[in-house]
Amino acid sequence: MKELLEIIAKNLVDNPDSVVVSQREEEDAIILELKVDNDDMGKVIGKQGRIAKAIRTVVKAAAVHSDKKVVVKIS
């Protein structure tokens, strides 16, 4: 899932080298934190958060086979 989020983000932004995805696991959740350049933040979030919501939906769909909840944080 980390790789999927990284691929999606790198294809959206102008500075793909600045994309960093970190993953940490808790008891019942996998937390993916996406960091992008400040100039690319709008491209990742989109109008009214539509792109961010779509990214979260795709990652959650990919994680349906795991027993853990997946949370995507964008910063």
N, C-alpha and C. Protein backbone atom coordinates (compact mmCIF):
# COMPACT_ATOMS: atom_id res chain seq x y z
N MET A 1 0.81 -1.19 0.00
CA MET A 1 0.00 0.00 0.00
C MET A 1 0.86 1.25 0.00
N LYS A 2 1.99 1.18 0.65
CA LYS A 2 2.90 2.31 0.67
C LYS A 2 3.37 2.64 -0.75
N GLU A 3 3.69 1.61 -1.50
CA GLU A 3 4.16 1.81 -2.87
C GLU A 3 3.05 2.38 -3.76
N LEU A 4 1.83 1.91 -3.56
CA LEU A 4 0.70 2.41 -4.33
C LEU A 4 0.49 3.89 -4.08
N LEU A 5 0.51 4.31 -2.83
CA LEU A 5 0.33 5.71 -2.49
C LEU A 5 1.46 6.56 -3.08
N GLU A 6 2.67 6.04 -3.05
CA GLU A 6 3.81 6.77 -3.59
C GLU A 6 3.69 6.95 -5.10
N ILE A 7 3.26 5.93 -5.80
CA ILE A 7 3.10 6.02 -7.25
C ILE A 7 2.01 7.03 -7.62
N ILE A 8 0.90 6.98 -6.91
CA ILE A 8 -0.20 7.91 -7.19
C ILE A 8 0.26 9.34 -6.96
N ALA A 9 0.91 9.60 -5.83
CA ALA A 9 1.33 10.95 -5.49
C ALA A 9 2.38 11.49 -6.46
N LYS A 10 3.34 10.65 -6.83
CA LYS A 10 4.39 11.11 -7.74
C LYS A 10 3.84 11.47 -9.12
N ASN A 11 2.76 10.84 -9.52
CA ASN A 11 2.17 11.16 -10.82
C ASN A 11 1.29 12.41 -10.77
N LEU A 12 0.94 12.87 -9.59
CA LEU A 12 0.11 14.06 -9.46
C LEU A 12 0.91 15.36 -9.34
N VAL A 13 2.09 15.30 -8.77
CA VAL A 13 2.83 16.50 -8.40
C VAL A 13 3.85 16.91 -9.46
N ASP A 14 4.32 18.16 -9.33
CA ASP A 14 5.37 18.67 -10.22
C ASP A 14 6.76 18.28 -9.75
N ASN A 15 6.93 18.07 -8.44
CA ASN A 15 8.22 17.69 -7.86
C ASN A 15 8.14 16.29 -7.27
N PRO A 16 8.21 15.27 -8.11
CA PRO A 16 8.07 13.90 -7.58
C PRO A 16 9.19 13.47 -6.65
N ASP A 17 10.35 14.16 -6.72
CA ASP A 17 11.44 13.80 -5.83
C ASP A 17 11.17 14.19 -4.38
N SER A 18 10.23 15.10 -4.17
CA SER A 18 9.94 15.56 -2.81
C SER A 18 8.84 14.73 -2.14
N VAL A 19 8.30 13.73 -2.82
CA VAL A 19 7.25 12.90 -2.25
C VAL A 19 7.87 11.88 -1.29
N VAL A 20 7.37 11.86 -0.07
CA VAL A 20 7.85 10.91 0.93
C VAL A 20 6.62 10.25 1.57
N VAL A 21 6.63 8.92 1.59
CA VAL A 21 5.55 8.16 2.21
C VAL A 21 6.15 7.34 3.34
N SER A 22 5.61 7.53 4.54
CA SER A 22 6.06 6.72 5.67
C SER A 22 4.89 5.89 6.17
N GLN A 23 5.22 4.71 6.67
CA GLN A 23 4.19 3.78 7.12
C GLN A 23 4.50 3.34 8.54
N ARG A 24 3.48 3.37 9.38
CA ARG A 24 3.63 2.82 10.72
C ARG A 24 2.38 2.02 11.05
N GLU A 25 2.57 1.01 11.85
CA GLU A 25 1.47 0.13 12.20
C GLU A 25 1.12 0.26 13.67
N GLU A 26 -0.15 0.28 13.93
CA GLU A 26 -0.65 0.28 15.30
C GLU A 26 -1.43 -1.01 15.49
N GLU A 27 -2.10 -1.14 16.61
CA GLU A 27 -2.80 -2.39 16.93
C GLU A 27 -3.79 -2.80 15.84
N ASP A 28 -4.65 -1.88 15.45
CA ASP A 28 -5.70 -2.23 14.50
C ASP A 28 -5.69 -1.35 13.25
N ALA A 29 -4.60 -0.62 13.02
CA ALA A 29 -4.57 0.28 11.88
C ALA A 29 -3.17 0.40 11.29
N ILE A 30 -3.14 0.67 10.00
CA ILE A 30 -1.92 1.01 9.29
C ILE A 30 -2.04 2.48 8.92
N ILE A 31 -1.07 3.27 9.33
CA ILE A 31 -1.11 4.71 9.07
C ILE A 31 -0.06 5.04 8.02
N LEU A 32 -0.52 5.59 6.91
CA LEU A 32 0.36 6.03 5.84
C LEU A 32 0.38 7.55 5.85
N GLU A 33 1.56 8.12 5.96
CA GLU A 33 1.68 9.57 5.98
C GLU A 33 2.38 10.02 4.71
N LEU A 34 1.69 10.87 3.95
CA LEU A 34 2.19 11.38 2.68
C LEU A 34 2.66 12.80 2.87
N LYS A 35 3.92 13.05 2.54
CA LYS A 35 4.48 14.39 2.61
C LYS A 35 4.88 14.82 1.20
N VAL A 36 4.42 16.01 0.82
CA VAL A 36 4.75 16.58 -0.49
C VAL A 36 5.25 18.00 -0.30
N ASP A 37 5.83 18.55 -1.35
CA ASP A 37 6.29 19.93 -1.35
C ASP A 37 5.10 20.87 -1.15
N ASN A 38 5.32 22.00 -0.51
CA ASN A 38 4.23 22.95 -0.26
C ASN A 38 3.58 23.43 -1.56
N ASP A 39 4.36 23.55 -2.63
CA ASP A 39 3.81 23.99 -3.92
C ASP A 39 2.87 22.95 -4.52
N ASP A 40 3.03 21.69 -4.16
CA ASP A 40 2.22 20.61 -4.73
C ASP A 40 1.05 20.21 -3.84
N MET A 41 0.90 20.84 -2.70
CA MET A 41 -0.15 20.45 -1.77
C MET A 41 -1.54 20.58 -2.39
N GLY A 42 -1.77 21.62 -3.13
CA GLY A 42 -3.07 21.82 -3.77
C GLY A 42 -3.40 20.75 -4.79
N LYS A 43 -2.38 20.26 -5.48
CA LYS A 43 -2.61 19.21 -6.48
C LYS A 43 -2.97 17.89 -5.83
N VAL A 44 -2.45 17.63 -4.66
CA VAL A 44 -2.73 16.38 -3.95
C VAL A 44 -4.10 16.44 -3.27
N ILE A 45 -4.46 17.62 -2.77
CA ILE A 45 -5.75 17.76 -2.08
C ILE A 45 -6.88 17.95 -3.08
N GLY A 46 -6.68 18.79 -4.08
CA GLY A 46 -7.72 19.02 -5.09
C GLY A 46 -8.80 19.96 -4.59
N LYS A 47 -9.68 20.32 -5.50
CA LYS A 47 -10.79 21.21 -5.14
C LYS A 47 -11.73 20.50 -4.18
N GLN A 48 -12.00 21.16 -3.08
CA GLN A 48 -12.86 20.64 -2.02
C GLN A 48 -12.43 19.26 -1.52
N GLY A 49 -11.14 18.95 -1.66
CA GLY A 49 -10.61 17.70 -1.14
C GLY A 49 -10.95 16.47 -1.96
N ARG A 50 -11.36 16.65 -3.20
CA ARG A 50 -11.80 15.51 -4.01
C ARG A 50 -10.65 14.56 -4.36
N ILE A 51 -9.48 15.09 -4.69
CA ILE A 51 -8.34 14.23 -5.03
C ILE A 51 -7.90 13.44 -3.80
N ALA A 52 -7.82 14.12 -2.66
CA ALA A 52 -7.43 13.44 -1.41
C ALA A 52 -8.41 12.33 -1.07
N LYS A 53 -9.69 12.59 -1.24
CA LYS A 53 -10.70 11.58 -0.96
C LYS A 53 -10.57 10.39 -1.91
N ALA A 54 -10.27 10.67 -3.17
CA ALA A 54 -10.09 9.59 -4.16
C ALA A 54 -8.86 8.75 -3.83
N ILE A 55 -7.78 9.42 -3.42
CA ILE A 55 -6.56 8.69 -3.03
C ILE A 55 -6.87 7.76 -1.86
N ARG A 56 -7.56 8.28 -0.87
CA ARG A 56 -7.90 7.46 0.30
C ARG A 56 -8.78 6.28 -0.09
N THR A 57 -9.72 6.49 -1.01
CA THR A 57 -10.61 5.42 -1.45
C THR A 57 -9.84 4.31 -2.15
N VAL A 58 -8.91 4.69 -3.02
CA VAL A 58 -8.12 3.69 -3.76
C VAL A 58 -7.24 2.89 -2.81
N VAL A 59 -6.60 3.56 -1.87
CA VAL A 59 -5.72 2.86 -0.92
C VAL A 59 -6.53 1.93 -0.02
N LYS A 60 -7.68 2.38 0.43
CA LYS A 60 -8.53 1.52 1.27
C LYS A 60 -9.04 0.32 0.49
N ALA A 61 -9.34 0.51 -0.79
CA ALA A 61 -9.79 -0.62 -1.62
C ALA A 61 -8.67 -1.63 -1.81
N ALA A 62 -7.45 -1.15 -1.93
CA ALA A 62 -6.31 -2.06 -2.08
C ALA A 62 -6.02 -2.81 -0.79
N ALA A 63 -6.44 -2.26 0.34
CA ALA A 63 -6.16 -2.88 1.64
C ALA A 63 -7.31 -3.73 2.14
N VAL A 64 -8.26 -4.02 1.31
CA VAL A 64 -9.44 -4.76 1.76
C VAL A 64 -9.10 -6.16 2.25
N HIS A 65 -8.02 -6.73 1.79
CA HIS A 65 -7.66 -8.09 2.20
C HIS A 65 -6.95 -8.12 3.56
N SER A 66 -6.43 -6.98 3.99
CA SER A 66 -5.79 -6.97 5.31
C SER A 66 -6.87 -6.78 6.37
N ASP A 67 -6.58 -7.23 7.56
CA ASP A 67 -7.55 -7.14 8.65
C ASP A 67 -7.49 -5.80 9.36
N LYS A 68 -6.61 -4.92 8.90
CA LYS A 68 -6.42 -3.65 9.57
C LYS A 68 -7.03 -2.50 8.79
N LYS A 69 -7.41 -1.48 9.51
CA LYS A 69 -7.92 -0.25 8.91
C LYS A 69 -6.73 0.55 8.37
N VAL A 70 -6.90 1.22 7.24
CA VAL A 70 -5.84 2.03 6.65
C VAL A 70 -6.22 3.50 6.72
N VAL A 71 -5.30 4.30 7.25
CA VAL A 71 -5.52 5.74 7.37
C VAL A 71 -4.44 6.44 6.56
N VAL A 72 -4.85 7.37 5.69
CA VAL A 72 -3.92 8.16 4.89
C VAL A 72 -3.93 9.58 5.42
N LYS A 73 -2.76 10.05 5.86
CA LYS A 73 -2.62 11.42 6.34
C LYS A 73 -1.76 12.17 5.33
N ILE A 74 -2.20 13.37 4.97
CA ILE A 74 -1.48 14.17 3.99
C ILE A 74 -0.95 15.41 4.71
N SER A 75 0.36 15.62 4.58
CA SER A 75 0.95 16.81 5.21
C SER A 75 2.03 17.39 4.32
